[in-house]
Amino acid sequence: MMKHLFWILWSAEFICMLVWLIDEMKLKYLPMNNMVSIGFLWLGVALFVKLGLKSDKSALIMVGIPGFPLAIMAIFIIIIYIINLVAGPIRWN
């Protein structure tokens, strides 16, 4: 189960980083945020720790720290979409 959890969290973070990179590339007059590069570096180091150093626990912690808040946000967004489908648009004010 832990092997699968690493790959689920790693791929979710990689997809979020790709979306962030694409959004940053659309901006014409602002430089790219340095955190995009650092995020990809962090994912690369986690992948190296998993495959190169064979340290499953360390790699899981590396992707788990940013992965669990992303999972909580994804659950929140899914709940909002379900409410929009069932009850119509949400009025936030």
PDB file of N, CA and C in Angstrom:
ATOM      1  N   MET A   1       0.821  -1.198   0.000  1.00  0.00           N
ATOM      2  CA  MET A   1       0.000   0.000   0.000  1.00  0.00           C
ATOM      3  C   MET A   1       0.864   1.260   0.000  1.00  0.00           C
ATOM      4  N   MET A   2       1.979   1.218   0.722  1.00  0.00           N
ATOM      5  CA  MET A   2       2.831   2.405   0.816  1.00  0.00           C
ATOM      6  C   MET A   2       3.495   2.717  -0.524  1.00  0.00           C
ATOM      7  N   LYS A   3       3.799   1.680  -1.302  1.00  0.00           N
ATOM      8  CA  LYS A   3       4.385   1.919  -2.619  1.00  0.00           C
ATOM      9  C   LYS A   3       3.395   2.644  -3.515  1.00  0.00           C
ATOM     10  N   HIS A   4       2.153   2.232  -3.439  1.00  0.00           N
ATOM     11  CA  HIS A   4       1.125   2.862  -4.258  1.00  0.00           C
ATOM     12  C   HIS A   4       0.844   4.289  -3.786  1.00  0.00           C
ATOM     13  N   LEU A   5       0.885   4.503  -2.483  1.00  0.00           N
ATOM     14  CA  LEU A   5       0.638   5.841  -1.945  1.00  0.00           C
ATOM     15  C   LEU A   5       1.698   6.829  -2.426  1.00  0.00           C
ATOM     16  N   PHE A   6       2.951   6.400  -2.484  1.00  0.00           N
ATOM     17  CA  PHE A   6       3.997   7.270  -3.000  1.00  0.00           C
ATOM     18  C   PHE A   6       3.698   7.683  -4.427  1.00  0.00           C
ATOM     19  N   TRP A   7       3.359   6.711  -5.276  1.00  0.00           N
ATOM     20  CA  TRP A   7       3.142   7.031  -6.690  1.00  0.00           C
ATOM     21  C   TRP A   7       1.882   7.868  -6.893  1.00  0.00           C
ATOM     22  N   ILE A   8       0.859   7.653  -6.089  1.00  0.00           N
ATOM     23  CA  ILE A   8      -0.353   8.465  -6.185  1.00  0.00           C
ATOM     24  C   ILE A   8      -0.044   9.906  -5.819  1.00  0.00           C
ATOM     25  N   LEU A   9       0.639  10.109  -4.693  1.00  0.00           N
ATOM     26  CA  LEU A   9       0.966  11.471  -4.265  1.00  0.00           C
ATOM     27  C   LEU A   9       1.953  12.132  -5.222  1.00  0.00           C
ATOM     28  N   TRP A  10       2.938  11.372  -5.683  1.00  0.00           N
ATOM     29  CA  TRP A  10       3.931  11.949  -6.591  1.00  0.00           C
ATOM     30  C   TRP A  10       3.281  12.385  -7.898  1.00  0.00           C
ATOM     31  N   SER A  11       2.414  11.555  -8.458  1.00  0.00           N
ATOM     32  CA  SER A  11       1.774  11.918  -9.720  1.00  0.00           C
ATOM     33  C   SER A  11       0.801  13.076  -9.543  1.00  0.00           C
ATOM     34  N   ALA A  12       0.102  13.137  -8.416  1.00  0.00           N
ATOM     35  CA  ALA A  12      -0.794  14.267  -8.165  1.00  0.00           C
ATOM     36  C   ALA A  12      -0.008  15.569  -8.061  1.00  0.00           C
ATOM     37  N   GLU A  13       1.118  15.526  -7.368  1.00  0.00           N
ATOM     38  CA  GLU A  13       1.945  16.724  -7.260  1.00  0.00           C
ATOM     39  C   GLU A  13       2.552  17.102  -8.606  1.00  0.00           C
ATOM     40  N   PHE A  14       2.945  16.103  -9.399  1.00  0.00           N
ATOM     41  CA  PHE A  14       3.513  16.385 -10.715  1.00  0.00           C
ATOM     42  C   PHE A  14       2.474  17.044 -11.618  1.00  0.00           C
ATOM     43  N   ILE A  15       1.241  16.570 -11.578  1.00  0.00           N
ATOM     44  CA  ILE A  15       0.178  17.181 -12.372  1.00  0.00           C
ATOM     45  C   ILE A  15      -0.074  18.608 -11.922  1.00  0.00           C
ATOM     46  N   CYS A  16      -0.107  18.836 -10.609  1.00  0.00           N
ATOM     47  CA  CYS A  16      -0.296  20.206 -10.098  1.00  0.00           C
ATOM     48  C   CYS A  16       0.859  21.112 -10.519  1.00  0.00           C
ATOM     49  N   MET A  17       2.065  20.571 -10.505  1.00  0.00           N
ATOM     50  CA  MET A  17       3.218  21.378 -10.917  1.00  0.00           C
ATOM     51  C   MET A  17       3.151  21.696 -12.409  1.00  0.00           C
ATOM     52  N   LEU A  18       2.697  20.750 -13.221  1.00  0.00           N
ATOM     53  CA  LEU A  18       2.555  21.012 -14.655  1.00  0.00           C
ATOM     54  C   LEU A  18       1.500  22.083 -14.922  1.00  0.00           C
ATOM     55  N   VAL A  19       0.378  22.010 -14.210  1.00  0.00           N
ATOM     56  CA  VAL A  19      -0.658  23.032 -14.366  1.00  0.00           C
ATOM     57  C   VAL A  19      -0.118  24.393 -13.941  1.00  0.00           C
ATOM     58  N   TRP A  20       0.636  24.427 -12.838  1.00  0.00           N
ATOM     59  CA  TRP A  20       1.213  25.674 -12.358  1.00  0.00           C
ATOM     60  C   TRP A  20       2.207  26.231 -13.376  1.00  0.00           C
ATOM     61  N   LEU A  21       3.032  25.351 -13.961  1.00  0.00           N
ATOM     62  CA  LEU A  21       3.999  25.780 -14.967  1.00  0.00           C
ATOM     63  C   LEU A  21       3.300  26.342 -16.199  1.00  0.00           C
ATOM     64  N   ILE A  22       2.253  25.678 -16.650  1.00  0.00           N
ATOM     65  CA  ILE A  22       1.513  26.168 -17.819  1.00  0.00           C
ATOM     66  C   ILE A  22       0.885  27.525 -17.528  1.00  0.00           C
ATOM     67  N   ASP A  23       0.323  27.691 -16.327  1.00  0.00           N
ATOM     68  CA  ASP A  23      -0.245  28.995 -15.963  1.00  0.00           C
ATOM     69  C   ASP A  23       0.819  30.076 -15.889  1.00  0.00           C
ATOM     70  N   GLU A  24       1.991  29.734 -15.387  1.00  0.00           N
ATOM     71  CA  GLU A  24       3.072  30.720 -15.292  1.00  0.00           C
ATOM     72  C   GLU A  24       3.601  31.099 -16.677  1.00  0.00           C
ATOM     73  N   MET A  25       3.594  30.144 -17.597  1.00  0.00           N
ATOM     74  CA  MET A  25       4.101  30.427 -18.943  1.00  0.00           C
ATOM     75  C   MET A  25       3.158  31.352 -19.722  1.00  0.00           C
ATOM     76  N   LYS A  26       1.905  31.453 -19.309  1.00  0.00           N
ATOM     77  CA  LYS A  26       0.949  32.332 -19.972  1.00  0.00           C
ATOM     78  C   LYS A  26       1.189  33.804 -19.648  1.00  0.00           C
ATOM     79  N   LEU A  27       1.864  34.081 -18.535  1.00  0.00           N
ATOM     80  CA  LEU A  27       2.094  35.467 -18.121  1.00  0.00           C
ATOM     81  C   LEU A  27       3.203  36.071 -18.974  1.00  0.00           C
ATOM     82  N   LYS A  28       2.901  37.207 -19.589  1.00  0.00           N
ATOM     83  CA  LYS A  28       3.872  37.816 -20.500  1.00  0.00           C
ATOM     84  C   LYS A  28       4.828  38.763 -19.797  1.00  0.00           C
ATOM     85  N   TYR A  29       4.346  39.523 -18.860  1.00  0.00           N
ATOM     86  CA  TYR A  29       5.138  40.615 -18.309  1.00  0.00           C
ATOM     87  C   TYR A  29       5.680  40.347 -16.915  1.00  0.00           C
ATOM     88  N   LEU A  30       5.448  39.159 -16.400  1.00  0.00           N
ATOM     89  CA  LEU A  30       5.967  38.804 -15.080  1.00  0.00           C
ATOM     90  C   LEU A  30       6.933  37.637 -15.217  1.00  0.00           C
ATOM     91  N   PRO A  31       8.015  37.653 -14.443  1.00  0.00           N
ATOM     92  CA  PRO A  31       8.931  36.500 -14.500  1.00  0.00           C
ATOM     93  C   PRO A  31       8.286  35.276 -13.841  1.00  0.00           C
ATOM     94  N   MET A  32       8.765  34.107 -14.232  1.00  0.00           N
ATOM     95  CA  MET A  32       8.235  32.873 -13.670  1.00  0.00           C
ATOM     96  C   MET A  32       8.584  32.778 -12.192  1.00  0.00           C
ATOM     97  N   ASN A  33       7.650  32.293 -11.409  1.00  0.00           N
ATOM     98  CA  ASN A  33       7.853  32.115  -9.981  1.00  0.00           C
ATOM     99  C   ASN A  33       8.938  31.066  -9.748  1.00  0.00           C
ATOM    100  N   ASN A  34       9.871  31.363  -8.852  1.00  0.00           N
ATOM    101  CA  ASN A  34      10.968  30.429  -8.571  1.00  0.00           C
ATOM    102  C   ASN A  34      10.484  29.142  -7.906  1.00  0.00           C
ATOM    103  N   MET A  35       9.333  29.183  -7.271  1.00  0.00           N
ATOM    104  CA  MET A  35       8.822  27.996  -6.594  1.00  0.00           C
ATOM    105  C   MET A  35       8.432  26.887  -7.576  1.00  0.00           C
ATOM    106  N   VAL A  36       8.165  27.253  -8.826  1.00  0.00           N
ATOM    107  CA  VAL A  36       7.876  26.227  -9.827  1.00  0.00           C
ATOM    108  C   VAL A  36       9.115  25.365 -10.054  1.00  0.00           C
ATOM    109  N   SER A  37      10.249  26.011 -10.221  1.00  0.00           N
ATOM    110  CA  SER A  37      11.504  25.268 -10.412  1.00  0.00           C
ATOM    111  C   SER A  37      11.867  24.465  -9.175  1.00  0.00           C
ATOM    112  N   ILE A  38      11.673  25.054  -8.017  1.00  0.00           N
ATOM    113  CA  ILE A  38      11.984  24.354  -6.768  1.00  0.00           C
ATOM    114  C   ILE A  38      11.058  23.157  -6.576  1.00  0.00           C
ATOM    115  N   GLY A  39       9.793  23.297  -6.961  1.00  0.00           N
ATOM    116  CA  GLY A  39       8.848  22.182  -6.850  1.00  0.00           C
ATOM    117  C   GLY A  39       9.236  21.011  -7.727  1.00  0.00           C
ATOM    118  N   PHE A  40       9.630  21.313  -8.974  1.00  0.00           N
ATOM    119  CA  PHE A  40      10.074  20.235  -9.849  1.00  0.00           C
ATOM    120  C   PHE A  40      11.370  19.614  -9.340  1.00  0.00           C
ATOM    121  N   LEU A  41      12.260  20.421  -8.782  1.00  0.00           N
ATOM    122  CA  LEU A  41      13.489  19.902  -8.192  1.00  0.00           C
ATOM    123  C   LEU A  41      13.175  18.976  -7.016  1.00  0.00           C
ATOM    124  N   TRP A  42      12.220  19.384  -6.177  1.00  0.00           N
ATOM    125  CA  TRP A  42      11.813  18.584  -5.020  1.00  0.00           C
ATOM    126  C   TRP A  42      11.242  17.237  -5.468  1.00  0.00           C
ATOM    127  N   LEU A  43      10.413  17.262  -6.510  1.00  0.00           N
ATOM    128  CA  LEU A  43       9.860  16.006  -7.023  1.00  0.00           C
ATOM    129  C   LEU A  43      10.950  15.128  -7.625  1.00  0.00           C
ATOM    130  N   GLY A  44      11.929  15.747  -8.282  1.00  0.00           N
ATOM    131  CA  GLY A  44      13.043  14.985  -8.827  1.00  0.00           C
ATOM    132  C   GLY A  44      13.891  14.354  -7.736  1.00  0.00           C
ATOM    133  N   VAL A  45      14.139  15.089  -6.668  1.00  0.00           N
ATOM    134  CA  VAL A  45      14.908  14.543  -5.549  1.00  0.00           C
ATOM    135  C   VAL A  45      14.139  13.408  -4.880  1.00  0.00           C
ATOM    136  N   ALA A  46      12.826  13.572  -4.727  1.00  0.00           N
ATOM    137  CA  ALA A  46      12.021  12.498  -4.131  1.00  0.00           C
ATOM    138  C   ALA A  46      12.054  11.248  -4.998  1.00  0.00           C
ATOM    139  N   LEU A  47      12.015  11.426  -6.301  1.00  0.00           N
ATOM    140  CA  LEU A  47      12.092  10.281  -7.209  1.00  0.00           C
ATOM    141  C   LEU A  47      13.463   9.615  -7.133  1.00  0.00           C
ATOM    142  N   PHE A  48      14.524  10.429  -7.016  1.00  0.00           N
ATOM    143  CA  PHE A  48      15.873   9.878  -6.866  1.00  0.00           C
ATOM    144  C   PHE A  48      16.014   9.105  -5.558  1.00  0.00           C
ATOM    145  N   VAL A  49      15.448   9.650  -4.480  1.00  0.00           N
ATOM    146  CA  VAL A  49      15.511   8.964  -3.185  1.00  0.00           C
ATOM    147  C   VAL A  49      14.757   7.637  -3.261  1.00  0.00           C
ATOM    148  N   LYS A  50      13.631   7.630  -3.957  1.00  0.00           N
ATOM    149  CA  LYS A  50      12.829   6.405  -4.076  1.00  0.00           C
ATOM    150  C   LYS A  50      13.533   5.356  -4.931  1.00  0.00           C
ATOM    151  N   LEU A  51      13.985   5.757  -6.116  1.00  0.00           N
ATOM    152  CA  LEU A  51      14.535   4.779  -7.055  1.00  0.00           C
ATOM    153  C   LEU A  51      16.041   4.575  -6.909  1.00  0.00           C
ATOM    154  N   GLY A  52      16.767   5.657  -6.631  1.00  0.00           N
ATOM    155  CA  GLY A  52      18.222   5.556  -6.564  1.00  0.00           C
ATOM    156  C   GLY A  52      18.738   5.072  -5.224  1.00  0.00           C
ATOM    157  N   LEU A  53      18.222   5.664  -4.163  1.00  0.00           N
ATOM    158  CA  LEU A  53      18.704   5.312  -2.824  1.00  0.00           C
ATOM    159  C   LEU A  53      17.883   4.216  -2.164  1.00  0.00           C
ATOM    160  N   LYS A  54      16.768   3.837  -2.781  1.00  0.00           N
ATOM    161  CA  LYS A  54      15.883   2.764  -2.281  1.00  0.00           C
ATOM    162  C   LYS A  54      15.379   3.034  -0.863  1.00  0.00           C
ATOM    163  N   SER A  55      15.120   4.294  -0.563  1.00  0.00           N
ATOM    164  CA  SER A  55      14.597   4.663   0.742  1.00  0.00           C
ATOM    165  C   SER A  55      13.130   5.038   0.594  1.00  0.00           C
ATOM    166  N   ASP A  56      12.262   4.044   0.770  1.00  0.00           N
ATOM    167  CA  ASP A  56      10.838   4.251   0.552  1.00  0.00           C
ATOM    168  C   ASP A  56      10.219   5.203   1.574  1.00  0.00           C
ATOM    169  N   LYS A  57      10.617   5.084   2.834  1.00  0.00           N
ATOM    170  CA  LYS A  57      10.022   5.920   3.874  1.00  0.00           C
ATOM    171  C   LYS A  57      10.383   7.392   3.692  1.00  0.00           C
ATOM    172  N   SER A  58      11.629   7.667   3.390  1.00  0.00           N
ATOM    173  CA  SER A  58      12.047   9.053   3.184  1.00  0.00           C
ATOM    174  C   SER A  58      11.351   9.667   1.975  1.00  0.00           C
ATOM    175  N   ALA A  59      11.240   8.891   0.904  1.00  0.00           N
ATOM    176  CA  ALA A  59      10.571   9.400  -0.295  1.00  0.00           C
ATOM    177  C   ALA A  59       9.091   9.634  -0.032  1.00  0.00           C
ATOM    178  N   LEU A  60       8.462   8.760   0.743  1.00  0.00           N
ATOM    179  CA  LEU A  60       7.051   8.947   1.068  1.00  0.00           C
ATOM    180  C   LEU A  60       6.841  10.186   1.925  1.00  0.00           C
ATOM    181  N   ILE A  61       7.744  10.439   2.846  1.00  0.00           N
ATOM    182  CA  ILE A  61       7.644  11.658   3.653  1.00  0.00           C
ATOM    183  C   ILE A  61       7.842  12.889   2.782  1.00  0.00           C
ATOM    184  N   MET A  62       8.770  12.815   1.832  1.00  0.00           N
ATOM    185  CA  MET A  62       9.027  13.967   0.960  1.00  0.00           C
ATOM    186  C   MET A  62       7.819  14.323   0.102  1.00  0.00           C
ATOM    187  N   VAL A  63       7.094  13.339  -0.379  1.00  0.00           N
ATOM    188  CA  VAL A  63       5.901  13.656  -1.178  1.00  0.00           C
ATOM    189  C   VAL A  63       4.654  13.765  -0.316  1.00  0.00           C
ATOM    190  N   GLY A  64       4.711  13.236   0.885  1.00  0.00           N
ATOM    191  CA  GLY A  64       3.541  13.297   1.766  1.00  0.00           C
ATOM    192  C   GLY A  64       3.321  14.664   2.375  1.00  0.00           C
ATOM    193  N   ILE A  65       4.401  15.382   2.648  1.00  0.00           N
ATOM    194  CA  ILE A  65       4.270  16.704   3.264  1.00  0.00           C
ATOM    195  C   ILE A  65       3.465  17.649   2.373  1.00  0.00           C
ATOM    196  N   PRO A  66       3.796  17.816   1.092  1.00  0.00           N
ATOM    197  CA  PRO A  66       2.934  18.662   0.255  1.00  0.00           C
ATOM    198  C   PRO A  66       1.739  17.921  -0.330  1.00  0.00           C
ATOM    199  N   GLY A  67       1.747  16.605  -0.311  1.00  0.00           N
ATOM    200  CA  GLY A  67       0.689  15.843  -0.962  1.00  0.00           C
ATOM    201  C   GLY A  67      -0.616  15.794  -0.187  1.00  0.00           C
ATOM    202  N   PHE A  68      -0.540  15.702   1.133  1.00  0.00           N
ATOM    203  CA  PHE A  68      -1.769  15.615   1.911  1.00  0.00           C
ATOM    204  C   PHE A  68      -2.579  16.916   1.889  1.00  0.00           C
ATOM    205  N   PRO A  69      -1.972  18.097   1.981  1.00  0.00           N
ATOM    206  CA  PRO A  69      -2.782  19.312   1.802  1.00  0.00           C
ATOM    207  C   PRO A  69      -3.405  19.406   0.408  1.00  0.00           C
ATOM    208  N   LEU A  70      -2.685  18.936  -0.625  1.00  0.00           N
ATOM    209  CA  LEU A  70      -3.264  18.903  -1.967  1.00  0.00           C
ATOM    210  C   LEU A  70      -4.457  17.952  -2.020  1.00  0.00           C
ATOM    211  N   ALA A  71      -4.372  16.842  -1.324  1.00  0.00           N
ATOM    212  CA  ALA A  71      -5.487  15.897  -1.293  1.00  0.00           C
ATOM    213  C   ALA A  71      -6.698  16.502  -0.580  1.00  0.00           C
ATOM    214  N   ILE A  72      -6.454  17.226   0.500  1.00  0.00           N
ATOM    215  CA  ILE A  72      -7.557  17.888   1.217  1.00  0.00           C
ATOM    216  C   ILE A  72      -8.216  18.934   0.321  1.00  0.00           C
ATOM    217  N   MET A  73      -7.412  19.715  -0.398  1.00  0.00           N
ATOM    218  CA  MET A  73      -7.980  20.707  -1.312  1.00  0.00           C
ATOM    219  C   MET A  73      -8.750  20.032  -2.443  1.00  0.00           C
ATOM    220  N   ALA A  74      -8.257  18.907  -2.946  1.00  0.00           N
ATOM    221  CA  ALA A  74      -8.952  18.198  -4.014  1.00  0.00           C
ATOM    222  C   ALA A  74     -10.297  17.659  -3.530  1.00  0.00           C
ATOM    223  N   ILE A  75     -10.337  17.143  -2.311  1.00  0.00           N
ATOM    224  CA  ILE A  75     -11.604  16.667  -1.755  1.00  0.00           C
ATOM    225  C   ILE A  75     -12.586  17.818  -1.618  1.00  0.00           C
ATOM    226  N   PHE A  76     -12.123  18.974  -1.165  1.00  0.00           N
ATOM    227  CA  PHE A  76     -12.977  20.151  -1.039  1.00  0.00           C
ATOM    228  C   PHE A  76     -13.528  20.568  -2.400  1.00  0.00           C
ATOM    229  N   ILE A  77     -12.693  20.583  -3.417  1.00  0.00           N
ATOM    230  CA  ILE A  77     -13.142  20.970  -4.764  1.00  0.00           C
ATOM    231  C   ILE A  77     -14.150  19.957  -5.307  1.00  0.00           C
ATOM    232  N   ILE A  78     -13.932  18.679  -5.067  1.00  0.00           N
ATOM    233  CA  ILE A  78     -14.879  17.653  -5.523  1.00  0.00           C
ATOM    234  C   ILE A  78     -16.233  17.838  -4.837  1.00  0.00           C
ATOM    235  N   ILE A  79     -16.221  18.136  -3.551  1.00  0.00           N
ATOM    236  CA  ILE A  79     -17.473  18.387  -2.827  1.00  0.00           C
ATOM    237  C   ILE A  79     -18.198  19.590  -3.408  1.00  0.00           C
ATOM    238  N   ILE A  80     -17.474  20.652  -3.718  1.00  0.00           N
ATOM    239  CA  ILE A  80     -18.083  21.841  -4.314  1.00  0.00           C
ATOM    240  C   ILE A  80     -18.696  21.505  -5.670  1.00  0.00           C
ATOM    241  N   TYR A  81     -18.006  20.731  -6.494  1.00  0.00           N
ATOM    242  CA  TYR A  81     -18.549  20.340  -7.797  1.00  0.00           C
ATOM    243  C   TYR A  81     -19.808  19.487  -7.649  1.00  0.00           C
ATOM    244  N   ILE A  82     -19.825  18.579  -6.693  1.00  0.00           N
ATOM    245  CA  ILE A  82     -21.009  17.753  -6.479  1.00  0.00           C
ATOM    246  C   ILE A  82     -22.181  18.611  -6.028  1.00  0.00           C
ATOM    247  N   ILE A  83     -21.940  19.553  -5.131  1.00  0.00           N
ATOM    248  CA  ILE A  83     -23.003  20.448  -4.684  1.00  0.00           C
ATOM    249  C   ILE A  83     -23.511  21.282  -5.849  1.00  0.00           C
ATOM    250  N   ASN A  84     -22.611  21.751  -6.718  1.00  0.00           N
ATOM    251  CA  ASN A  84     -23.041  22.510  -7.894  1.00  0.00           C
ATOM    252  C   ASN A  84     -23.904  21.667  -8.815  1.00  0.00           C
ATOM    253  N   LEU A  85     -23.586  20.399  -8.970  1.00  0.00           N
ATOM    254  CA  LEU A  85     -24.387  19.534  -9.834  1.00  0.00           C
ATOM    255  C   LEU A  85     -25.762  19.261  -9.253  1.00  0.00           C
ATOM    256  N   VAL A  86     -25.823  19.063  -7.953  1.00  0.00           N
ATOM    257  CA  VAL A  86     -27.074  18.662  -7.313  1.00  0.00           C
ATOM    258  C   VAL A  86     -27.963  19.874  -7.026  1.00  0.00           C
ATOM    259  N   ALA A  87     -27.422  20.899  -6.393  1.00  0.00           N
ATOM    260  CA  ALA A  87     -28.236  22.002  -5.897  1.00  0.00           C
ATOM    261  C   ALA A  87     -28.082  23.283  -6.704  1.00  0.00           C
ATOM    262  N   GLY A  88     -27.266  23.288  -7.723  1.00  0.00           N
ATOM    263  CA  GLY A  88     -27.071  24.502  -8.486  1.00  0.00           C
ATOM    264  C   GLY A  88     -25.890  25.297  -7.957  1.00  0.00           C
ATOM    265  N   PRO A  89     -25.660  26.464  -8.561  1.00  0.00           N
ATOM    266  CA  PRO A  89     -24.483  27.244  -8.149  1.00  0.00           C
ATOM    267  C   PRO A  89     -24.579  27.731  -6.703  1.00  0.00           C
ATOM    268  N   ILE A  90     -23.412  27.804  -6.097  1.00  0.00           N
ATOM    269  CA  ILE A  90     -23.325  28.240  -4.710  1.00  0.00           C
ATOM    270  C   ILE A  90     -23.193  29.750  -4.681  1.00  0.00           C
ATOM    271  N   ARG A  91     -23.978  30.367  -3.845  1.00  0.00           N
ATOM    272  CA  ARG A  91     -23.868  31.827  -3.655  1.00  0.00           C
ATOM    273  C   ARG A  91     -23.037  32.054  -2.398  1.00  0.00           C
ATOM    274  N   TRP A  92     -21.848  32.593  -2.573  1.00  0.00           N
ATOM    275  CA  TRP A  92     -20.895  32.713  -1.465  1.00  0.00           C
ATOM    276  C   TRP A  92     -21.125  33.942  -0.601  1.00  0.00           C
ATOM    277  N   ASN A  93     -21.974  34.867  -1.036  1.00  0.00           N
ATOM    278  CA  ASN A  93     -22.170  36.077  -0.207  1.00  0.00           C
ATOM    279  C   ASN A  93     -23.402  36.000   0.632  1.00  0.00           C
TER     280      ASN A  93
END
